[in-house]
PDB file of N, CA and C in Angstrom:
ATOM      1  N   MET A   1      15.511 -13.043 -19.484  1.00  0.00           N
ATOM      2  CA  MET A   1      14.432 -13.096 -18.812  1.00  0.00           C
ATOM      3  C   MET A   1      13.581 -11.839 -19.291  1.00  0.00           C
ATOM      4  N   SER A   2      12.344 -11.858 -19.052  1.00  0.00           N
ATOM      5  CA  SER A   2      11.475 -10.711 -19.478  1.00  0.00           C
ATOM      6  C   SER A   2      11.435  -9.817 -18.330  1.00  0.00           C
ATOM      7  N   LEU A   3      10.962  -8.613 -18.625  1.00  0.00           N
ATOM      8  CA  LEU A   3      10.876  -7.503 -17.734  1.00  0.00           C
ATOM      9  C   LEU A   3       9.693  -7.811 -16.654  1.00  0.00           C
ATOM     10  N   LEU A   4       8.778  -8.462 -17.097  1.00  0.00           N
ATOM     11  CA  LEU A   4       7.593  -8.846 -16.390  1.00  0.00           C
ATOM     12  C   LEU A   4       8.130  -9.897 -15.178  1.00  0.00           C
ATOM     13  N   SER A   5       9.038 -10.845 -15.727  1.00  0.00           N
ATOM     14  CA  SER A   5       9.699 -11.861 -14.846  1.00  0.00           C
ATOM     15  C   SER A   5      10.576 -11.227 -13.988  1.00  0.00           C
ATOM     16  N   ASP A   6      11.307 -10.238 -14.311  1.00  0.00           N
ATOM     17  CA  ASP A   6      12.196  -9.490 -13.313  1.00  0.00           C
ATOM     18  C   ASP A   6      11.403  -8.914 -12.283  1.00  0.00           C
ATOM     19  N   PHE A   7      10.317  -8.294 -12.696  1.00  0.00           N
ATOM     20  CA  PHE A   7       9.365  -7.635 -11.779  1.00  0.00           C
ATOM     21  C   PHE A   7       8.825  -8.469 -10.729  1.00  0.00           C
ATOM     22  N   TYR A   8       8.339  -9.659 -11.299  1.00  0.00           N
ATOM     23  CA  TYR A   8       7.702 -10.636 -10.467  1.00  0.00           C
ATOM     24  C   TYR A   8       8.729 -11.303  -9.324  1.00  0.00           C
ATOM     25  N   ASN A   9       9.844 -11.501  -9.952  1.00  0.00           N
ATOM     26  CA  ASN A   9      10.934 -12.108  -9.003  1.00  0.00           C
ATOM     27  C   ASN A   9      11.668 -11.085  -8.142  1.00  0.00           C
ATOM     28  N   GLY A  10      11.242  -9.916  -8.019  1.00  0.00           N
ATOM     29  CA  GLY A  10      11.954  -8.852  -7.225  1.00  0.00           C
ATOM     30  C   GLY A  10      13.258  -8.393  -7.717  1.00  0.00           C
ATOM     31  N   LYS A  11      13.438  -8.367  -8.986  1.00  0.00           N
ATOM     32  CA  LYS A  11      14.672  -7.908  -9.535  1.00  0.00           C
ATOM     33  C   LYS A  11      14.496  -6.532 -10.090  1.00  0.00           C
ATOM     34  N   LEU A  12      13.238  -6.079 -10.167  1.00  0.00           N
ATOM     35  CA  LEU A  12      12.903  -4.622 -10.591  1.00  0.00           C
ATOM     36  C   LEU A  12      12.275  -4.128  -9.554  1.00  0.00           C
ATOM     37  N   TYR A  13      12.741  -2.766  -9.151  1.00  0.00           N
ATOM     38  CA  TYR A  13      12.343  -2.011  -7.979  1.00  0.00           C
ATOM     39  C   TYR A  13      11.600  -0.662  -8.573  1.00  0.00           C
ATOM     40  N   PRO A  14      10.377  -0.627  -8.925  1.00  0.00           N
ATOM     41  CA  PRO A  14       9.623   0.526  -9.510  1.00  0.00           C
ATOM     42  C   PRO A  14       9.664   1.756  -8.395  1.00  0.00           C
ATOM     43  N   TYR A  15       9.944   2.730  -8.846  1.00  0.00           N
ATOM     44  CA  TYR A  15       9.827   3.906  -7.980  1.00  0.00           C
ATOM     45  C   TYR A  15       8.402   4.206  -7.708  1.00  0.00           C
ATOM     46  N   GLU A  16       8.019   4.274  -6.357  1.00  0.00           N
ATOM     47  CA  GLU A  16       6.614   4.717  -6.170  1.00  0.00           C
ATOM     48  C   GLU A  16       6.572   5.890  -5.357  1.00  0.00           C
ATOM     49  N   GLU A  17       5.792   6.928  -5.940  1.00  0.00           N
ATOM     50  CA  GLU A  17       5.651   8.127  -5.224  1.00  0.00           C
ATOM     51  C   GLU A  17       4.522   8.030  -4.269  1.00  0.00           C
ATOM     52  N   LEU A  18       4.875   8.524  -2.933  1.00  0.00           N
ATOM     53  CA  LEU A  18       3.956   8.713  -1.897  1.00  0.00           C
ATOM     54  C   LEU A  18       2.727   9.888  -2.193  1.00  0.00           C
ATOM     55  N   ASN A  19       1.763   9.393  -1.942  1.00  0.00           N
ATOM     56  CA  ASN A  19       0.620  10.329  -2.049  1.00  0.00           C
ATOM     57  C   ASN A  19       0.281  11.071  -0.828  1.00  0.00           C
ATOM     58  N   THR A  20       0.837  12.451  -0.878  1.00  0.00           N
ATOM     59  CA  THR A  20       0.870  13.088   0.521  1.00  0.00           C
ATOM     60  C   THR A  20      -0.590  13.608   0.926  1.00  0.00           C
ATOM     61  N   HIS A  21      -1.406  13.330   0.029  1.00  0.00           N
ATOM     62  CA  HIS A  21      -2.929  13.697   0.428  1.00  0.00           C
ATOM     63  C   HIS A  21      -3.568  12.646   1.046  1.00  0.00           C
ATOM     64  N   ASP A  22      -3.016  11.583   1.176  1.00  0.00           N
ATOM     65  CA  ASP A  22      -3.547  10.269   1.894  1.00  0.00           C
ATOM     66  C   ASP A  22      -3.752  10.608   3.207  1.00  0.00           C
ATOM     67  N   PRO A  23      -4.817  10.237   3.991  1.00  0.00           N
ATOM     68  CA  PRO A  23      -5.208  10.619   5.200  1.00  0.00           C
ATOM     69  C   PRO A  23      -4.230  10.106   6.135  1.00  0.00           C
ATOM     70  N   ASP A  24      -3.547   8.963   5.928  1.00  0.00           N
ATOM     71  CA  ASP A  24      -2.639   8.236   6.892  1.00  0.00           C
ATOM     72  C   ASP A  24      -1.397   9.164   6.820  1.00  0.00           C
ATOM     73  N   PHE A  25      -1.148   9.939   5.921  1.00  0.00           N
ATOM     74  CA  PHE A  25       0.346  10.533   5.781  1.00  0.00           C
ATOM     75  C   PHE A  25       0.158  11.749   6.794  1.00  0.00           C
ATOM     76  N   LYS A  26      -1.037  12.589   6.676  1.00  0.00           N
ATOM     77  CA  LYS A  26      -1.135  13.741   7.451  1.00  0.00           C
ATOM     78  C   LYS A  26      -0.609  13.895   8.849  1.00  0.00           C
ATOM     79  N   PRO A  27      -0.961  12.715   9.779  1.00  0.00           N
ATOM     80  CA  PRO A  27      -0.573  12.881  11.151  1.00  0.00           C
ATOM     81  C   PRO A  27       1.069  12.640  11.130  1.00  0.00           C
ATOM     82  N   ILE A  28       1.614  11.929  10.117  1.00  0.00           N
ATOM     83  CA  ILE A  28       2.982  11.766  10.306  1.00  0.00           C
ATOM     84  C   ILE A  28       3.722  13.092   9.747  1.00  0.00           C
ATOM     85  N   GLY A  29       3.167  13.765   8.844  1.00  0.00           N
ATOM     86  CA  GLY A  29       3.721  14.959   8.354  1.00  0.00           C
ATOM     87  C   GLY A  29       3.644  16.064   9.518  1.00  0.00           C
ATOM     88  N   ASP A  30       2.506  16.054  10.269  1.00  0.00           N
ATOM     89  CA  ASP A  30       2.322  16.935  11.318  1.00  0.00           C
ATOM     90  C   ASP A  30       3.287  16.725  12.520  1.00  0.00           C
ATOM     91  N   LYS A  31       3.563  15.399  12.644  1.00  0.00           N
ATOM     92  CA  LYS A  31       4.666  15.022  13.717  1.00  0.00           C
ATOM     93  C   LYS A  31       5.949  15.739  13.312  1.00  0.00           C
ATOM     94  N   ILE A  32       6.278  15.390  12.080  1.00  0.00           N
ATOM     95  CA  ILE A  32       7.627  15.937  11.567  1.00  0.00           C
ATOM     96  C   ILE A  32       7.707  17.354  11.730  1.00  0.00           C
ATOM     97  N   SER A  33       6.669  18.098  11.391  1.00  0.00           N
ATOM     98  CA  SER A  33       6.670  19.731  11.368  1.00  0.00           C
ATOM     99  C   SER A  33       6.880  20.140  12.801  1.00  0.00           C
ATOM    100  N   SER A  34       5.924  19.338  13.790  1.00  0.00           N
ATOM    101  CA  SER A  34       5.968  19.809  15.240  1.00  0.00           C
ATOM    102  C   SER A  34       7.370  19.702  15.760  1.00  0.00           C
ATOM    103  N   GLU A  35       7.906  18.559  15.441  1.00  0.00           N
ATOM    104  CA  GLU A  35       9.463  18.240  15.976  1.00  0.00           C
ATOM    105  C   GLU A  35      10.369  19.194  15.310  1.00  0.00           C
ATOM    106  N   LYS A  36      10.226  19.480  14.202  1.00  0.00           N
ATOM    107  CA  LYS A  36      11.387  20.249  13.368  1.00  0.00           C
ATOM    108  C   LYS A  36      11.169  21.725  13.772  1.00  0.00           C
ATOM    109  N   TYR A  37       9.913  22.197  13.912  1.00  0.00           N
ATOM    110  CA  TYR A  37       9.768  23.623  14.167  1.00  0.00           C
ATOM    111  C   TYR A  37       9.537  24.127  15.535  1.00  0.00           C
ATOM    112  N   GLY A  38       9.134  23.193  16.357  1.00  0.00           N
ATOM    113  CA  GLY A  38       8.840  23.492  17.778  1.00  0.00           C
ATOM    114  C   GLY A  38       9.965  24.060  18.563  1.00  0.00           C
ATOM    115  N   TRP A  39      11.350  23.643  18.564  1.00  0.00           N
ATOM    116  CA  TRP A  39      12.410  24.246  19.121  1.00  0.00           C
ATOM    117  C   TRP A  39      12.860  25.585  18.240  1.00  0.00           C
ATOM    118  N   LEU A  40      12.751  25.502  16.948  1.00  0.00           N
ATOM    119  CA  LEU A  40      13.246  26.699  16.274  1.00  0.00           C
ATOM    120  C   LEU A  40      12.409  27.934  16.390  1.00  0.00           C
ATOM    121  N   LYS A  41      11.201  27.643  16.843  1.00  0.00           N
ATOM    122  CA  LYS A  41      10.312  28.680  16.874  1.00  0.00           C
ATOM    123  C   LYS A  41      10.492  29.417  18.142  1.00  0.00           C
ATOM    124  N   LYS A  42      10.864  28.792  19.149  1.00  0.00           N
ATOM    125  CA  LYS A  42      11.506  29.347  20.513  1.00  0.00           C
ATOM    126  C   LYS A  42      12.715  30.077  20.268  1.00  0.00           C
ATOM    127  N   LEU A  43      13.688  29.826  19.378  1.00  0.00           N
ATOM    128  CA  LEU A  43      15.052  30.538  19.290  1.00  0.00           C
ATOM    129  C   LEU A  43      14.907  31.742  18.262  1.00  0.00           C
ATOM    130  N   LEU A  44      13.867  31.826  17.262  1.00  0.00           N
ATOM    131  CA  LEU A  44      13.779  32.929  16.394  1.00  0.00           C
ATOM    132  C   LEU A  44      12.724  33.789  16.759  1.00  0.00           C
ATOM    133  N   SER A  45      12.799  35.122  16.372  1.00  0.00           N
ATOM    134  CA  SER A  45      11.802  36.185  16.491  1.00  0.00           C
ATOM    135  C   SER A  45      10.599  35.613  15.584  1.00  0.00           C
ATOM    136  N   GLU A  46       9.272  36.097  15.757  1.00  0.00           N
ATOM    137  CA  GLU A  46       8.381  35.610  14.977  1.00  0.00           C
ATOM    138  C   GLU A  46       8.566  35.838  13.521  1.00  0.00           C
ATOM    139  N   LYS A  47       9.087  37.197  13.374  1.00  0.00           N
ATOM    140  CA  LYS A  47       9.376  37.588  11.848  1.00  0.00           C
ATOM    141  C   LYS A  47      10.422  36.756  11.162  1.00  0.00           C
ATOM    142  N   GLU A  48      11.469  36.447  12.093  1.00  0.00           N
ATOM    143  CA  GLU A  48      12.589  35.622  11.521  1.00  0.00           C
ATOM    144  C   GLU A  48      11.932  34.120  11.178  1.00  0.00           C
ATOM    145  N   PHE A  49      11.130  33.637  12.086  1.00  0.00           N
ATOM    146  CA  PHE A  49      10.595  32.348  11.860  1.00  0.00           C
ATOM    147  C   PHE A  49       9.777  32.246  10.776  1.00  0.00           C
ATOM    148  N   ILE A  50       8.828  33.354  10.518  1.00  0.00           N
ATOM    149  CA  ILE A  50       7.979  33.216   9.264  1.00  0.00           C
ATOM    150  C   ILE A  50       8.780  33.425   8.218  1.00  0.00           C
ATOM    151  N   ARG A  51       9.846  33.984   8.007  1.00  0.00           N
ATOM    152  CA  ARG A  51      10.639  34.230   6.926  1.00  0.00           C
ATOM    153  C   ARG A  51      11.335  32.962   6.592  1.00  0.00           C
ATOM    154  N   PHE A  52      11.877  32.314   7.671  1.00  0.00           N
ATOM    155  CA  PHE A  52      12.407  31.026   7.352  1.00  0.00           C
ATOM    156  C   PHE A  52      11.394  29.955   7.016  1.00  0.00           C
ATOM    157  N   GLU A  53      10.288  29.921   7.739  1.00  0.00           N
ATOM    158  CA  GLU A  53       9.186  28.942   7.294  1.00  0.00           C
ATOM    159  C   GLU A  53       8.861  29.158   5.817  1.00  0.00           C
ATOM    160  N   ASP A  54       8.729  30.364   5.366  1.00  0.00           N
ATOM    161  CA  ASP A  54       8.144  30.595   4.088  1.00  0.00           C
ATOM    162  C   ASP A  54       9.369  30.055   2.902  1.00  0.00           C
ATOM    163  N   LYS A  55      10.626  30.329   3.286  1.00  0.00           N
ATOM    164  CA  LYS A  55      11.627  30.017   2.272  1.00  0.00           C
ATOM    165  C   LYS A  55      11.845  28.410   2.238  1.00  0.00           C
ATOM    166  N   LEU A  56      11.672  27.874   3.330  1.00  0.00           N
ATOM    167  CA  LEU A  56      11.775  26.464   3.583  1.00  0.00           C
ATOM    168  C   LEU A  56      10.568  25.593   2.857  1.00  0.00           C
ATOM    169  N   GLN A  57       9.399  26.371   3.105  1.00  0.00           N
ATOM    170  CA  GLN A  57       8.320  25.790   2.289  1.00  0.00           C
ATOM    171  C   GLN A  57       8.511  25.842   0.717  1.00  0.00           C
ATOM    172  N   ALA A  58       8.911  26.888   0.375  1.00  0.00           N
ATOM    173  CA  ALA A  58       9.268  27.091  -1.083  1.00  0.00           C
ATOM    174  C   ALA A  58      10.228  25.869  -1.615  1.00  0.00           C
ATOM    175  N   TYR A  59      11.178  25.665  -1.040  1.00  0.00           N
ATOM    176  CA  TYR A  59      12.271  24.594  -1.299  1.00  0.00           C
ATOM    177  C   TYR A  59      11.474  23.253  -1.129  1.00  0.00           C
ATOM    178  N   TYR A  60      10.658  22.992  -0.214  1.00  0.00           N
ATOM    179  CA  TYR A  60       9.925  21.753   0.001  1.00  0.00           C
ATOM    180  C   TYR A  60       9.073  21.576  -1.432  1.00  0.00           C
ATOM    181  N   TYR A  61       8.385  22.471  -1.753  1.00  0.00           N
ATOM    182  CA  TYR A  61       7.364  22.461  -2.949  1.00  0.00           C
ATOM    183  C   TYR A  61       8.308  22.155  -4.191  1.00  0.00           C
ATOM    184  N   GLU A  62       9.414  22.909  -4.253  1.00  0.00           N
ATOM    185  CA  GLU A  62      10.235  22.732  -5.508  1.00  0.00           C
ATOM    186  C   GLU A  62      10.775  21.348  -5.577  1.00  0.00           C
ATOM    187  N   ALA A  63      11.187  20.743  -4.380  1.00  0.00           N
ATOM    188  CA  ALA A  63      11.798  19.396  -4.364  1.00  0.00           C
ATOM    189  C   ALA A  63      10.616  18.377  -4.457  1.00  0.00           C
ATOM    190  N   ASN A  64       9.435  18.743  -4.111  1.00  0.00           N
ATOM    191  CA  ASN A  64       8.362  17.755  -4.113  1.00  0.00           C
ATOM    192  C   ASN A  64       7.792  17.608  -5.552  1.00  0.00           C
ATOM    193  N   ASN A  65       7.996  18.663  -6.317  1.00  0.00           N
ATOM    194  CA  ASN A  65       7.474  18.853  -7.686  1.00  0.00           C
ATOM    195  C   ASN A  65       8.451  18.177  -8.470  1.00  0.00           C
ATOM    196  N   TYR A  66       9.619  18.272  -8.278  1.00  0.00           N
ATOM    197  CA  TYR A  66      10.838  17.623  -8.961  1.00  0.00           C
ATOM    198  C   TYR A  66      10.641  16.065  -9.010  1.00  0.00           C
ATOM    199  N   TRP A  67      10.579  15.678  -7.745  1.00  0.00           N
ATOM    200  CA  TRP A  67      10.421  14.119  -7.584  1.00  0.00           C
ATOM    201  C   TRP A  67       9.154  13.647  -8.006  1.00  0.00           C
ATOM    202  N   SER A  68       8.134  14.418  -7.885  1.00  0.00           N
ATOM    203  CA  SER A  68       6.773  13.990  -8.344  1.00  0.00           C
ATOM    204  C   SER A  68       6.867  13.783  -9.915  1.00  0.00           C
ATOM    205  N   GLU A  69       7.414  14.672 -10.519  1.00  0.00           N
ATOM    206  CA  GLU A  69       7.702  14.583 -12.113  1.00  0.00           C
ATOM    207  C   GLU A  69       8.431  13.404 -12.418  1.00  0.00           C
ATOM    208  N   LYS A  70       9.624  13.163 -11.783  1.00  0.00           N
ATOM    209  CA  LYS A  70      10.546  12.084 -11.912  1.00  0.00           C
ATOM    210  C   LYS A  70       9.836  10.644 -11.756  1.00  0.00           C
ATOM    211  N   GLY A  71       9.042  10.716 -10.578  1.00  0.00           N
ATOM    212  CA  GLY A  71       8.299   9.362 -10.334  1.00  0.00           C
ATOM    213  C   GLY A  71       7.250   9.163 -11.496  1.00  0.00           C
ATOM    214  N   PHE A  72       6.534  10.205 -12.070  1.00  0.00           N
ATOM    215  CA  PHE A  72       5.485   9.917 -12.952  1.00  0.00           C
ATOM    216  C   PHE A  72       6.169   9.569 -14.425  1.00  0.00           C
ATOM    217  N   LEU A  73       7.299  10.441 -14.551  1.00  0.00           N
ATOM    218  CA  LEU A  73       7.879   9.699 -15.969  1.00  0.00           C
ATOM    219  C   LEU A  73       8.385   8.509 -15.867  1.00  0.00           C
ATOM    220  N   TYR A  74       9.082   8.085 -14.842  1.00  0.00           N
ATOM    221  CA  TYR A  74       9.549   6.725 -14.539  1.00  0.00           C
ATOM    222  C   TYR A  74       8.506   5.567 -14.795  1.00  0.00           C
ATOM    223  N   GLY A  75       7.526   6.121 -13.919  1.00  0.00           N
ATOM    224  CA  GLY A  75       6.377   5.177 -13.905  1.00  0.00           C
ATOM    225  C   GLY A  75       5.665   4.813 -15.394  1.00  0.00           C
ATOM    226  N   PHE A  76       5.412   5.916 -15.924  1.00  0.00           N
ATOM    227  CA  PHE A  76       4.912   5.863 -17.341  1.00  0.00           C
ATOM    228  C   PHE A  76       5.759   5.135 -18.268  1.00  0.00           C
ATOM    229  N   LYS A  77       6.976   5.343 -18.206  1.00  0.00           N
ATOM    230  CA  LYS A  77       7.885   4.822 -19.021  1.00  0.00           C
ATOM    231  C   LYS A  77       8.140   3.130 -18.790  1.00  0.00           C
ATOM    232  N   LEU A  78       7.998   2.974 -17.445  1.00  0.00           N
ATOM    233  CA  LEU A  78       8.139   1.559 -17.159  1.00  0.00           C
ATOM    234  C   LEU A  78       6.775   0.751 -17.514  1.00  0.00           C
ATOM    235  N   GLY A  79       5.777   1.575 -17.395  1.00  0.00           N
ATOM    236  CA  GLY A  79       4.310   0.887 -17.868  1.00  0.00           C
ATOM    237  C   GLY A  79       4.510   0.553 -19.442  1.00  0.00           C
ATOM    238  N   ALA A  80       5.055   1.589 -20.142  1.00  0.00           N
ATOM    239  CA  ALA A  80       5.184   1.344 -21.539  1.00  0.00           C
ATOM    240  C   ALA A  80       6.136  -0.003 -21.895  1.00  0.00           C
ATOM    241  N   LEU A  81       7.258  -0.121 -21.028  1.00  0.00           N
ATOM    242  CA  LEU A  81       8.035  -1.080 -21.329  1.00  0.00           C
ATOM    243  C   LEU A  81       7.416  -2.336 -20.950  1.00  0.00           C
ATOM    244  N   PHE A  82       6.548  -2.342 -19.910  1.00  0.00           N
ATOM    245  CA  PHE A  82       5.734  -3.731 -19.715  1.00  0.00           C
ATOM    246  C   PHE A  82       4.902  -3.938 -20.896  1.00  0.00           C
ATOM    247  N   MET A  83       4.132  -2.890 -21.462  1.00  0.00           N
ATOM    248  CA  MET A  83       3.399  -3.402 -22.746  1.00  0.00           C
ATOM    249  C   MET A  83       4.154  -3.978 -23.706  1.00  0.00           C
ATOM    250  N   PHE A  84       5.428  -3.365 -24.050  1.00  0.00           N
ATOM    251  CA  PHE A  84       6.226  -4.030 -24.935  1.00  0.00           C
ATOM    252  C   PHE A  84       6.615  -5.343 -24.751  1.00  0.00           C
ATOM    253  N   ASP A  85       6.871  -5.552 -23.464  1.00  0.00           N
ATOM    254  CA  ASP A  85       7.242  -7.014 -23.148  1.00  0.00           C
ATOM    255  C   ASP A  85       6.032  -7.903 -23.253  1.00  0.00           C
ATOM    256  N   ILE A  86       4.978  -7.452 -22.730  1.00  0.00           N
ATOM    257  CA  ILE A  86       3.732  -8.440 -23.097  1.00  0.00           C
ATOM    258  C   ILE A  86       3.374  -8.594 -24.682  1.00  0.00           C
ATOM    259  N   LEU A  87       3.558  -7.663 -25.327  1.00  0.00           N
ATOM    260  CA  LEU A  87       3.358  -7.701 -26.774  1.00  0.00           C
ATOM    261  C   LEU A  87       4.255  -8.576 -27.431  1.00  0.00           C
ATOM    262  N   ALA A  88       5.438  -8.555 -27.007  1.00  0.00           N
ATOM    263  CA  ALA A  88       6.386  -9.429 -27.457  1.00  0.00           C
ATOM    264  C   ALA A  88       6.218 -10.859 -27.218  1.00  0.00           C
ATOM    265  N   GLU A  89       5.743 -11.081 -26.065  1.00  0.00           N
ATOM    266  CA  GLU A  89       5.346 -12.436 -25.492  1.00  0.00           C
ATOM    267  C   GLU A  89       3.912 -12.906 -25.750  1.00  0.00           C
ATOM    268  N   LYS A  90       3.207 -12.260 -26.451  1.00  0.00           N
ATOM    269  CA  LYS A  90       1.698 -12.508 -26.751  1.00  0.00           C
ATOM    270  C   LYS A  90       1.490 -14.039 -27.372  1.00  0.00           C
ATOM    271  N   ASP A  91       2.331 -14.203 -28.478  1.00  0.00           N
ATOM    272  CA  ASP A  91       2.111 -15.390 -29.229  1.00  0.00           C
ATOM    273  C   ASP A  91       2.566 -16.521 -28.455  1.00  0.00           C
ATOM    274  N   ASN A  92       3.433 -16.413 -27.440  1.00  0.00           N
ATOM    275  CA  ASN A  92       3.970 -17.603 -26.620  1.00  0.00           C
ATOM    276  C   ASN A  92       2.748 -17.870 -25.592  1.00  0.00           C
ATOM    277  N   LEU A  93       1.969 -17.028 -25.437  1.00  0.00           N
ATOM    278  CA  LEU A  93       1.031 -17.234 -24.217  1.00  0.00           C
ATOM    279  C   LEU A  93       0.013 -18.341 -24.658  1.00  0.00           C
ATOM    280  N   PHE A  94      -0.476 -18.350 -25.915  1.00  0.00           N
ATOM    281  CA  PHE A  94      -1.318 -19.272 -26.363  1.00  0.00           C
ATOM    282  C   PHE A  94      -0.777 -20.351 -27.274  1.00  0.00           C
ATOM    283  N   SER A  95       0.474 -20.579 -27.268  1.00  0.00           N
ATOM    284  CA  SER A  95       1.121 -21.508 -28.068  1.00  0.00           C
ATOM    285  C   SER A  95       0.783 -22.977 -27.693  1.00  0.00           C
ATOM    286  N   ASN A  96       0.370 -23.204 -26.515  1.00  0.00           N
ATOM    287  CA  ASN A  96      -0.021 -24.477 -25.948  1.00  0.00           C
ATOM    288  C   ASN A  96      -1.320 -25.121 -26.487  1.00  0.00           C
ATOM    289  N   LYS A  97      -2.019 -24.466 -27.274  1.00  0.00           N
ATOM    290  CA  LYS A  97      -3.366 -24.858 -27.620  1.00  0.00           C
ATOM    291  C   LYS A  97      -3.420 -26.010 -28.111  1.00  0.00           C
ATOM    292  N   ASP A  98      -4.467 -27.089 -27.841  1.00  0.00           N
ATOM    293  CA  ASP A  98      -4.637 -28.342 -28.572  1.00  0.00           C
ATOM    294  C   ASP A  98      -5.657 -28.365 -29.496  1.00  0.00           C
TER     295      ASP A  98
END
C-alpha cells in the first residue's frame, strides 16, 4: 500500500503543530493561565511569584521551541515522502489511456 493510501485510509497520523497565534487559542490559553496562577499568586509573595513565573515561562518557551522544530521537521519529511510516493506512481496514473 502506498503512503498516500495509508494517509487517506487513516493509517498515517501526521503530527500537526497548533498555531498558538490563532485568535481561537488565546482565550483557552488565558483560562489555563488564570486557573494555574490564580491560587499560586495568593500563596507566594509578589517577588517569589514573579521569579516563579519567569522561570516557568522560560521552560515553556524551551519546550515549545523543541516541539515546534520537531513538528516542522516531521511535516517537511512527510511531505517529501509524499512526493516520492506520487512520483513513483505517476506512470500508473495515466496508464488507462485509450
